[in-house]
Protein backbone atom coordinates (compact mmCIF):
# COMPACT_ATOMS: atom_id res chain seq x y z
CA UNK A 1 0.04 -0.01 0.05
CA UNK A 2 1.39 3.41 -1.09
CA UNK A 3 0.57 6.32 1.47
CA UNK A 4 0.66 10.05 0.74
CA UNK A 5 4.19 10.28 2.38
CA UNK A 6 5.73 7.93 -0.17
CA UNK A 7 3.86 9.61 -2.77
CA UNK A 8 5.09 13.03 -1.57
CA UNK A 9 8.74 11.53 -1.06
CA UNK A 10 8.86 10.38 -4.61
CA UNK A 11 8.44 13.88 -5.95
CA UNK A 12 11.36 15.33 -4.08
CA UNK A 13 13.77 12.52 -4.41
CA UNK A 14 15.21 10.42 -7.60
CA UNK A 15 15.94 6.60 -6.76
CA UNK A 16 15.86 7.77 -3.18
CA UNK A 17 18.42 10.57 -3.68
CA UNK A 18 18.41 14.19 -3.52
CA UNK A 19 19.85 17.11 -5.53
CA UNK A 20 17.97 20.27 -4.07
CA UNK A 21 18.65 24.05 -4.34
CA UNK A 22 17.44 25.82 -0.78
CA UNK A 23 16.65 29.31 -2.00
CA UNK A 24 15.02 30.48 1.26
CA UNK A 25 17.87 33.17 1.97
CA UNK A 26 15.52 36.09 1.25
CA UNK A 27 14.15 36.61 4.68
CA UNK A 28 17.52 35.87 6.34
CA UNK A 29 19.71 38.22 3.75
CA UNK A 30 17.39 39.72 1.41
CA UNK A 31 17.51 39.70 -2.37
CA UNK A 32 21.46 38.23 -2.45
CA UNK A 33 23.54 37.70 -5.73
CA UNK A 34 21.78 35.07 -7.89
CA UNK A 35 18.14 35.34 -6.21
CA UNK A 36 17.42 39.05 -7.01
CA UNK A 37 14.94 37.30 -9.45
CA UNK A 38 14.24 34.15 -7.80
CA UNK A 39 11.69 32.93 -10.31
CA UNK A 40 14.07 33.35 -13.38
CA UNK A 41 16.54 31.16 -11.40
CA UNK A 42 13.86 28.47 -10.65
CA UNK A 43 13.13 28.23 -13.81
CA UNK A 44 16.62 28.20 -15.15
CA UNK A 45 17.40 25.37 -12.94
CA UNK A 46 14.44 23.48 -12.95
CA UNK A 47 15.54 21.01 -16.20
CA UNK A 48 19.06 20.76 -15.11
CA UNK A 49 18.81 17.64 -13.11
CA UNK A 50 17.51 18.59 -9.92
CA UNK A 51 15.15 16.57 -7.86
CA UNK A 52 13.56 19.45 -6.10
CA UNK A 53 13.75 23.08 -4.93
CA UNK A 54 13.42 24.49 -1.37
CA UNK A 55 11.61 27.99 -1.14
CA UNK A 56 9.47 30.06 1.61
CA UNK A 57 5.86 30.04 1.34
CA UNK A 58 5.62 33.41 -0.27
CA UNK A 59 7.64 32.63 -3.01
CA UNK A 60 5.49 29.36 -3.82
CA UNK A 61 2.40 31.72 -3.78
CA UNK A 62 4.23 34.39 -6.05
CA UNK A 63 5.27 31.98 -8.98
CA UNK A 64 3.68 32.70 -12.19
CA UNK A 65 3.69 28.82 -12.66
CA UNK A 66 4.32 25.80 -10.87
CA UNK A 67 7.88 24.20 -11.21
CA UNK A 68 7.90 20.81 -12.52
CA UNK A 69 10.23 19.21 -9.76
CA UNK A 70 9.55 18.86 -6.29
CA UNK A 71 8.68 21.57 -3.98
CA UNK A 72 9.71 21.65 -0.49
CA UNK A 73 7.83 24.82 1.73
CA UNK A 74 10.33 26.03 4.32
CA UNK A 75 8.97 27.55 7.60
CA UNK A 76 11.55 29.14 9.59
CA UNK A 77 12.72 32.39 9.63
CA UNK A 78 15.35 35.11 11.07
CA UNK A 79 16.93 38.15 9.78
CA UNK A 80 20.48 39.08 9.60
CA UNK A 81 19.52 42.66 10.66
CA UNK A 82 17.51 41.72 13.86
CA UNK A 83 18.81 41.12 17.13
CA UNK A 84 18.77 37.37 17.11
CA UNK A 85 20.11 36.02 13.67
CA UNK A 86 20.33 32.69 15.01
CA UNK A 87 16.86 32.43 16.57
CA UNK A 88 14.51 30.65 13.78
CA UNK A 89 10.78 31.38 14.56
CA UNK A 90 7.97 29.50 12.88
CA UNK A 91 6.56 31.37 9.76
CA UNK A 92 4.18 28.64 8.31
CA UNK A 93 2.23 25.80 8.49
CA UNK A 94 1.72 22.27 7.24
CA UNK A 95 -1.99 23.26 6.15
CA UNK A 96 -0.68 26.11 4.32
CA UNK A 97 2.09 24.21 2.59
CA UNK A 98 -0.68 21.58 1.26
CA UNK A 99 -2.77 24.54 0.12
CA UNK A 100 0.18 25.91 -2.10
CA UNK A 101 0.58 22.35 -3.30
CA UNK A 102 4.21 21.51 -1.57
CA UNK A 103 5.25 18.03 -1.37
CA UNK A 104 7.12 18.61 1.66
CA UNK A 105 8.14 20.47 4.40
CA UNK A 106 11.11 21.95 6.27
CA UNK A 107 12.45 23.49 9.71
CA UNK A 108 15.82 24.90 10.53
CA UNK A 109 16.94 24.62 14.15
CA UNK A 110 20.24 25.58 15.54
CA UNK A 111 21.52 23.31 18.37
CA UNK A 112 23.90 24.59 20.64
CA UNK A 113 22.39 28.20 21.85
CA UNK A 114 20.05 29.75 24.15
CA UNK A 115 17.43 29.55 21.57
CA UNK A 116 17.44 26.06 21.25
CA UNK A 117 14.71 24.77 23.35
CA UNK A 118 12.07 27.22 21.23
CA UNK A 119 13.34 25.85 17.89
CA UNK A 120 13.34 22.21 19.37
CA UNK A 121 9.41 22.59 20.45
CA UNK A 122 8.65 24.19 16.83
CA UNK A 123 10.32 21.10 15.16
CA UNK A 124 7.95 18.86 17.25
CA UNK A 125 4.90 20.74 16.47
CA UNK A 126 5.53 20.47 12.85
CA UNK A 127 6.41 17.08 13.11
CA UNK A 128 3.46 16.14 14.71
CA UNK A 129 1.27 18.04 11.97
CA UNK A 130 3.46 16.35 9.30
CA UNK A 131 2.18 12.90 10.48
CA UNK A 132 -1.30 14.24 10.74
CA UNK A 133 -1.02 14.85 7.06
CA UNK A 134 1.13 12.57 5.68
CA UNK A 135 3.85 14.82 4.39
CA UNK A 136 7.52 14.64 4.46
CA UNK A 137 9.65 16.60 7.01
CA UNK A 138 12.96 17.94 6.44
CA UNK A 139 14.77 19.03 9.36
CA UNK A 140 17.78 21.29 8.72
CA UNK A 141 19.98 20.33 11.53
CA UNK A 142 22.82 23.02 12.25
CA UNK A 143 25.48 23.07 15.15
CA UNK A 144 25.33 26.61 15.97
CA UNK A 145 25.47 28.20 18.89
CA UNK A 146 27.43 29.62 21.97
CA UNK A 147 28.21 25.99 23.02
CA UNK A 148 29.56 25.02 19.64
CA UNK A 149 33.16 25.31 19.39
CA UNK A 150 33.56 23.33 16.09
CA UNK A 151 30.55 23.04 14.15
CA UNK A 152 32.31 20.36 12.14
CA UNK A 153 33.12 18.17 14.78
CA UNK A 154 31.92 14.59 13.75
CA UNK A 155 30.45 13.71 17.53
CA UNK A 156 28.63 17.09 17.39
CA UNK A 157 27.47 16.76 13.83
CA UNK A 158 26.16 13.18 14.69
CA UNK A 159 24.31 14.45 17.93
CA UNK A 160 22.71 17.13 16.07
CA UNK A 161 21.89 14.83 13.11
CA UNK A 162 20.45 12.17 15.58
CA UNK A 163 18.05 15.14 16.86
CA UNK A 164 16.45 15.49 13.74
CA UNK A 165 15.71 11.90 13.41
CA UNK A 166 14.47 11.44 17.07
CA UNK A 167 11.84 14.55 16.43
CA UNK A 168 10.29 12.78 13.36
CA UNK A 169 12.27 13.99 10.48
CA UNK A 170 12.31 12.06 7.11
CA UNK A 171 15.54 13.45 5.94
CA UNK A 172 17.87 15.40 7.99
CA UNK A 173 20.21 17.99 6.54
CA UNK A 174 23.31 18.73 8.50
CA UNK A 175 27.00 19.86 7.80
CA UNK A 176 29.64 17.65 6.22
CA UNK A 177 32.38 16.84 8.80
CA UNK A 178 35.13 16.98 5.77
CA UNK A 179 36.00 13.62 5.25
CA UNK A 180 34.41 9.87 4.18
CA UNK A 181 35.30 8.06 7.51
CA UNK A 182 33.85 10.40 10.04
CA UNK A 183 30.97 11.54 7.84
CA UNK A 184 30.30 7.57 7.94
CA UNK A 185 29.80 7.46 11.31
CA UNK A 186 27.18 10.27 11.35
CA UNK A 187 25.42 8.51 8.68
CA UNK A 188 25.29 5.22 10.55
CA UNK A 189 24.13 6.72 13.95
CA UNK A 190 21.10 8.71 11.88
CA UNK A 191 18.15 6.24 11.19
CA UNK A 192 17.04 8.42 8.37
CA UNK A 193 18.86 9.84 5.19
CA UNK A 194 20.97 12.47 5.79
CA UNK A 195 21.68 15.01 3.12
CA UNK A 196 24.53 17.70 3.37
CA UNK A 197 24.43 21.55 3.43
CA UNK A 198 26.86 23.76 1.10
CA UNK A 199 28.62 25.39 3.64
CA UNK A 200 32.21 27.29 3.63
CA UNK A 201 34.43 24.60 2.80
CA UNK A 202 34.24 23.95 -0.82
CA UNK A 203 34.41 27.15 -3.22
CA UNK A 204 36.23 25.76 -6.69
CA UNK A 205 34.33 23.35 -8.79
CA UNK A 206 36.67 20.48 -7.95
CA UNK A 207 36.40 21.30 -4.06
CA UNK A 208 32.35 21.20 -4.40
CA UNK A 209 32.32 18.08 -6.51
CA UNK A 210 34.84 16.21 -4.39
CA UNK A 211 32.81 17.38 -1.40
CA UNK A 212 29.83 15.90 -2.98
CA UNK A 213 31.16 12.71 -3.99
CA UNK A 214 32.82 12.33 -0.36
CA UNK A 215 29.44 12.85 1.25
CA UNK A 216 27.75 10.36 -1.24
CA UNK A 217 30.59 7.61 -0.69
CA UNK A 218 29.74 7.99 3.38
CA UNK A 219 26.15 7.25 2.79
CA UNK A 220 24.55 10.63 2.26
CA UNK A 221 21.07 10.74 0.37
CA UNK A 222 22.42 13.75 -1.52
CA UNK A 223 23.00 17.39 -1.40
CA UNK A 224 21.15 20.79 -0.68
CA UNK A 225 23.34 23.50 -1.85
CA UNK A 226 22.36 26.95 -2.14
CA UNK A 227 25.12 29.72 -3.12
CA UNK A 228 27.39 27.15 -4.72
CA UNK A 229 24.44 26.53 -7.33
CA UNK A 230 22.57 29.89 -7.57
CA UNK A 231 25.99 32.03 -7.52
CA UNK A 232 27.81 29.39 -9.85
CA UNK A 233 29.14 30.97 -13.08
CA UNK A 234 26.94 28.53 -14.68
CA UNK A 235 24.11 27.12 -12.34
CA UNK A 236 22.85 24.52 -14.67
CA UNK A 237 26.12 22.93 -15.43
CA UNK A 238 27.00 22.49 -11.79
CA UNK A 239 23.70 21.01 -11.12
CA UNK A 240 24.10 18.60 -14.05
CA UNK A 241 27.68 17.56 -12.66
CA UNK A 242 26.17 17.13 -9.13
CA UNK A 243 23.54 14.86 -10.51
CA UNK A 244 26.24 12.77 -12.07
CA UNK A 245 27.62 11.91 -8.92
CA UNK A 246 24.72 11.85 -6.70
CA UNK A 247 22.22 9.57 -9.34
CA UNK A 248 24.53 8.51 -11.89
CA UNK A 249 27.10 7.16 -10.00
CA UNK A 250 29.83 8.65 -11.99
CA UNK A 251 33.52 9.34 -10.80
CA UNK A 252 34.69 12.89 -9.96
CA UNK A 253 37.40 12.63 -12.44
CA UNK A 254 34.85 12.07 -15.43
CA UNK A 255 32.63 14.53 -13.83
CA UNK A 256 35.17 17.15 -13.65
CA UNK A 257 36.32 16.63 -17.29
CA UNK A 258 32.63 17.15 -18.30
CA UNK A 259 32.19 20.08 -16.36
CA UNK A 260 35.37 21.85 -17.80
CA UNK A 261 33.61 21.18 -21.04
CA UNK A 262 30.73 22.97 -20.45
C-alpha cells in the first residue's frame, strides 16, 4: 500500500537521492546575488537535473507557474539585521504548505544556543502535523550557538543529526564533517536519510564535486547546495555535474572533465 508520504517523497527524490537548491535566503539575507529574481533562477534550473527546490511559502504563492520538480516549503525565519539572527521562528503551517501544493516541508533548528529549546519545540509541533497530514519533513539541523566550538566536529554533527531523526524528520540536512570516514559514522548513527548543506569549505568546482562525492561515498542521500549553485557562473552545469555524482554514480574525474567542457 502506498501512502501520501511515499507519493510526496517520490516527488522530491530520484531513486531515493536528493539534489536540491535551498533558496530561502530572502528572509535572512535579502535578495542576495543569484536570487535577485528568484523565479528566473527556479525556471533556469528546473530542467538541469534537480530533484527539488526549497523556498519560503511566499515565493510559492508568487510563482508565475508551478515548477516541474519537487517543491519543499520552508517554515523557519530570522533576519541578519535583527537582534537574534540564529533564533529561527515558525513562519508557516503544514496546512498552508498543502494549500500551496508543496510536496514536503522543512524546519531549521540551531543546536547549541540559548534559543535551542524554542526551535526544538517548533520542530516537534511541525513533526506532529506532518504525521497527521502524511507530509514528509526535512529537518535542517545545524550545530550553531555559544556552546559549539567546532561545528564540523563529527561527534557534534552526529548528535545534531540524530536529534532531527529522533524528533520525527524523514530527511535530515546537516553539515559535512570534511572526510568520508568521520561522516560515515554520522550516517550510521542516524536512522533516516541524511543530506549535506553547502557550507564554506568548498568553493572551486573541484572542491564542490569532491565534497559531494565524499558525502555520497559516506552513505549520504544527496546534497542541498544553495550559493554553490545559484551563485555559480553556470548554475545548470554544476547541477548536471552534481547529478552525475549523486544519481548516476559517476566518478569525480569524469564529472570534472565534463564540467570543464561545459
